[in-house]
Amino acid sequence: MLFLVLGMILSVSLAVAVLFVVAVPARRQGRDLLTPKGDDMVSMVREKTGEVMETAREKTGEALDAAREKVSEVTRTNED
């Protein structure tokens, strides 16, 4: 198990080192990291994520409203 954890830490550290060796200097020189197609894809994912989160909030709100109604019905019945 120890070797597995050490291997994972080594892999992540190598990935971070490659990122700093390649991406950071390129970004400092003003080069874009993504192609125009990749940039469009990232913006599309952000839009879709926003839409999904909005829908989830609406459904969660509806579920909470229904739960409140049921709880209030039960408490009214118990008070009588």
N, C-alpha and C. Protein backbone atom coordinates (compact mmCIF):
# COMPACT_ATOMS: atom_id res chain seq x y z
N MET A 1 0.83 -1.19 0.00
CA MET A 1 0.00 0.00 0.00
C MET A 1 0.87 1.25 0.00
N LEU A 2 1.95 1.20 0.76
CA LEU A 2 2.86 2.33 0.83
C LEU A 2 3.46 2.62 -0.54
N PHE A 3 3.82 1.56 -1.28
CA PHE A 3 4.40 1.76 -2.60
C PHE A 3 3.39 2.36 -3.58
N LEU A 4 2.14 2.00 -3.42
CA LEU A 4 1.10 2.55 -4.27
C LEU A 4 0.95 4.06 -4.02
N VAL A 5 0.91 4.44 -2.77
CA VAL A 5 0.78 5.86 -2.42
C VAL A 5 2.01 6.64 -2.89
N LEU A 6 3.18 6.08 -2.69
CA LEU A 6 4.39 6.76 -3.14
C LEU A 6 4.41 6.89 -4.67
N GLY A 7 3.95 5.87 -5.36
CA GLY A 7 3.89 5.94 -6.82
C GLY A 7 2.92 7.01 -7.29
N MET A 8 1.79 7.13 -6.61
CA MET A 8 0.82 8.16 -6.98
C MET A 8 1.38 9.55 -6.71
N ILE A 9 2.05 9.73 -5.59
CA ILE A 9 2.65 11.02 -5.28
C ILE A 9 3.73 11.36 -6.30
N LEU A 10 4.52 10.40 -6.69
CA LEU A 10 5.56 10.61 -7.69
C LEU A 10 4.94 11.00 -9.03
N SER A 11 3.88 10.34 -9.43
CA SER A 11 3.22 10.65 -10.70
C SER A 11 2.64 12.06 -10.70
N VAL A 12 1.99 12.44 -9.62
CA VAL A 12 1.41 13.78 -9.53
C VAL A 12 2.51 14.84 -9.53
N SER A 13 3.59 14.58 -8.81
CA SER A 13 4.68 15.56 -8.77
C SER A 13 5.34 15.70 -10.14
N LEU A 14 5.47 14.63 -10.89
CA LEU A 14 6.01 14.73 -12.24
C LEU A 14 5.08 15.50 -13.17
N ALA A 15 3.78 15.30 -13.01
CA ALA A 15 2.81 16.04 -13.82
C ALA A 15 2.88 17.53 -13.52
N VAL A 16 3.00 17.88 -12.25
CA VAL A 16 3.10 19.30 -11.87
C VAL A 16 4.40 19.89 -12.40
N ALA A 17 5.49 19.13 -12.35
CA ALA A 17 6.77 19.62 -12.87
C ALA A 17 6.67 19.88 -14.38
N VAL A 18 6.05 18.98 -15.11
CA VAL A 18 5.89 19.19 -16.56
C VAL A 18 5.03 20.42 -16.82
N LEU A 19 4.00 20.60 -16.04
CA LEU A 19 3.14 21.77 -16.19
C LEU A 19 3.95 23.05 -16.02
N PHE A 20 4.77 23.11 -14.98
CA PHE A 20 5.56 24.31 -14.76
C PHE A 20 6.64 24.51 -15.81
N VAL A 21 7.19 23.43 -16.33
CA VAL A 21 8.25 23.55 -17.34
C VAL A 21 7.68 23.97 -18.69
N VAL A 22 6.48 23.55 -19.02
CA VAL A 22 5.93 23.80 -20.35
C VAL A 22 4.91 24.93 -20.35
N ALA A 23 3.91 24.85 -19.51
CA ALA A 23 2.78 25.76 -19.60
C ALA A 23 3.08 27.15 -19.06
N VAL A 24 3.76 27.24 -17.94
CA VAL A 24 3.99 28.56 -17.33
C VAL A 24 4.84 29.45 -18.23
N PRO A 25 5.98 28.98 -18.76
CA PRO A 25 6.74 29.87 -19.66
C PRO A 25 5.96 30.25 -20.92
N ALA A 26 5.18 29.33 -21.45
CA ALA A 26 4.38 29.64 -22.65
C ALA A 26 3.36 30.72 -22.34
N ARG A 27 2.76 30.62 -21.19
CA ARG A 27 1.76 31.63 -20.79
C ARG A 27 2.40 32.99 -20.57
N ARG A 28 3.59 33.00 -20.01
CA ARG A 28 4.30 34.27 -19.78
C ARG A 28 4.69 34.94 -21.08
N GLN A 29 4.94 34.13 -22.11
CA GLN A 29 5.30 34.69 -23.42
C GLN A 29 4.07 35.16 -24.18
N GLY A 30 2.89 34.97 -23.60
CA GLY A 30 1.67 35.46 -24.22
C GLY A 30 0.99 34.46 -25.14
N ARG A 31 1.52 33.25 -25.20
CA ARG A 31 0.88 32.24 -26.04
C ARG A 31 -0.32 31.65 -25.32
N ASP A 32 -1.37 31.37 -26.08
CA ASP A 32 -2.55 30.72 -25.51
C ASP A 32 -2.25 29.25 -25.28
N LEU A 33 -2.82 28.73 -24.21
CA LEU A 33 -2.61 27.32 -23.90
C LEU A 33 -3.56 26.44 -24.69
N LEU A 34 -4.74 26.99 -25.04
CA LEU A 34 -5.73 26.21 -25.78
C LEU A 34 -5.84 26.74 -27.20
N THR A 35 -6.18 25.84 -28.10
CA THR A 35 -6.48 26.26 -29.46
C THR A 35 -7.85 26.92 -29.45
N PRO A 36 -8.21 27.63 -30.51
CA PRO A 36 -9.55 28.23 -30.55
C PRO A 36 -10.66 27.19 -30.36
N LYS A 37 -10.46 26.00 -30.91
CA LYS A 37 -11.46 24.94 -30.74
C LYS A 37 -11.55 24.52 -29.27
N GLY A 38 -10.42 24.39 -28.60
CA GLY A 38 -10.41 24.03 -27.19
C GLY A 38 -11.03 25.12 -26.33
N ASP A 39 -10.77 26.38 -26.69
CA ASP A 39 -11.37 27.49 -25.95
C ASP A 39 -12.88 27.49 -26.11
N ASP A 40 -13.37 27.22 -27.33
CA ASP A 40 -14.82 27.13 -27.55
C ASP A 40 -15.42 25.99 -26.73
N MET A 41 -14.71 24.88 -26.67
CA MET A 41 -15.20 23.72 -25.93
C MET A 41 -15.31 24.05 -24.44
N VAL A 42 -14.32 24.74 -23.89
CA VAL A 42 -14.34 25.10 -22.47
C VAL A 42 -15.52 26.03 -22.20
N SER A 43 -15.73 27.01 -23.07
CA SER A 43 -16.85 27.93 -22.85
C SER A 43 -18.19 27.21 -22.96
N MET A 44 -18.29 26.23 -23.88
CA MET A 44 -19.52 25.46 -24.01
C MET A 44 -19.78 24.64 -22.74
N VAL A 45 -18.74 24.04 -22.19
CA VAL A 45 -18.89 23.26 -20.96
C VAL A 45 -19.33 24.16 -19.81
N ARG A 46 -18.78 25.37 -19.73
CA ARG A 46 -19.19 26.31 -18.67
C ARG A 46 -20.66 26.67 -18.81
N GLU A 47 -21.11 26.91 -20.03
CA GLU A 47 -22.52 27.26 -20.25
C GLU A 47 -23.42 26.09 -19.85
N LYS A 48 -23.08 24.89 -20.30
CA LYS A 48 -23.89 23.71 -19.99
C LYS A 48 -23.93 23.46 -18.48
N THR A 49 -22.79 23.63 -17.82
CA THR A 49 -22.74 23.43 -16.38
C THR A 49 -23.66 24.42 -15.68
N GLY A 50 -23.65 25.67 -16.14
CA GLY A 50 -24.53 26.67 -15.55
C GLY A 50 -25.99 26.31 -15.74
N GLU A 51 -26.35 25.82 -16.93
CA GLU A 51 -27.73 25.43 -17.19
C GLU A 51 -28.14 24.25 -16.30
N VAL A 52 -27.27 23.28 -16.16
CA VAL A 52 -27.58 22.11 -15.35
C VAL A 52 -27.73 22.51 -13.89
N MET A 53 -26.86 23.37 -13.40
CA MET A 53 -26.96 23.81 -12.01
C MET A 53 -28.25 24.60 -11.77
N GLU A 54 -28.64 25.40 -12.74
CA GLU A 54 -29.88 26.16 -12.61
C GLU A 54 -31.09 25.23 -12.54
N THR A 55 -31.11 24.22 -13.40
CA THR A 55 -32.19 23.25 -13.40
C THR A 55 -32.22 22.48 -12.07
N ALA A 56 -31.05 22.11 -11.60
CA ALA A 56 -30.97 21.37 -10.33
C ALA A 56 -31.49 22.22 -9.18
N ARG A 57 -31.17 23.50 -9.18
CA ARG A 57 -31.67 24.38 -8.12
C ARG A 57 -33.18 24.48 -8.16
N GLU A 58 -33.74 24.57 -9.36
CA GLU A 58 -35.20 24.65 -9.49
C GLU A 58 -35.86 23.38 -8.96
N LYS A 59 -35.33 22.22 -9.37
CA LYS A 59 -35.92 20.95 -8.93
C LYS A 59 -35.76 20.77 -7.42
N THR A 60 -34.62 21.18 -6.89
CA THR A 60 -34.41 21.08 -5.45
C THR A 60 -35.39 21.97 -4.70
N GLY A 61 -35.61 23.17 -5.24
CA GLY A 61 -36.58 24.08 -4.61
C GLY A 61 -37.98 23.50 -4.61
N GLU A 62 -38.36 22.87 -5.73
CA GLU A 62 -39.68 22.24 -5.81
C GLU A 62 -39.79 21.10 -4.80
N ALA A 63 -38.75 20.31 -4.68
CA ALA A 63 -38.76 19.18 -3.75
C ALA A 63 -38.85 19.69 -2.31
N LEU A 64 -38.14 20.76 -2.00
CA LEU A 64 -38.20 21.32 -0.65
C LEU A 64 -39.59 21.87 -0.35
N ASP A 65 -40.20 22.52 -1.33
CA ASP A 65 -41.55 23.04 -1.13
C ASP A 65 -42.55 21.91 -0.86
N ALA A 66 -42.44 20.84 -1.63
CA ALA A 66 -43.33 19.69 -1.44
C ALA A 66 -43.11 19.07 -0.06
N ALA A 67 -41.86 18.97 0.36
CA ALA A 67 -41.57 18.39 1.68
C ALA A 67 -42.13 19.27 2.79
N ARG A 68 -42.01 20.59 2.64
CA ARG A 68 -42.57 21.51 3.65
C ARG A 68 -44.07 21.35 3.76
N GLU A 69 -44.73 21.22 2.61
CA GLU A 69 -46.19 21.06 2.62
C GLU A 69 -46.59 19.78 3.35
N LYS A 70 -45.87 18.69 3.05
CA LYS A 70 -46.21 17.42 3.70
C LYS A 70 -45.96 17.47 5.19
N VAL A 71 -44.87 18.10 5.59
CA VAL A 71 -44.57 18.21 7.02
C VAL A 71 -45.62 19.06 7.70
N SER A 72 -46.03 20.14 7.07
CA SER A 72 -47.05 20.99 7.70
C SER A 72 -48.38 20.26 7.78
N GLU A 73 -48.71 19.42 6.78
CA GLU A 73 -49.95 18.63 6.84
C GLU A 73 -49.89 17.63 8.01
N VAL A 74 -48.76 16.99 8.17
CA VAL A 74 -48.62 16.01 9.24
C VAL A 74 -48.69 16.69 10.59
N THR A 75 -48.04 17.82 10.73
CA THR A 75 -48.07 18.50 12.02
C THR A 75 -49.45 19.04 12.33
N ARG A 76 -50.18 19.49 11.32
CA ARG A 76 -51.55 19.96 11.55
C ARG A 76 -52.43 18.79 11.99
N THR A 77 -52.27 17.64 11.38
CA THR A 77 -53.06 16.46 11.72
C THR A 77 -52.74 16.04 13.15
N ASN A 78 -51.49 16.09 13.54
CA ASN A 78 -51.10 15.68 14.90
C ASN A 78 -51.59 16.68 15.95
N GLU A 79 -51.69 17.95 15.58
CA GLU A 79 -52.16 18.95 16.55
C GLU A 79 -53.66 18.81 16.82
N ASP A 80 -54.40 18.30 15.85
CA ASP A 80 -55.86 18.16 16.02
C ASP A 80 -56.16 17.05 16.93
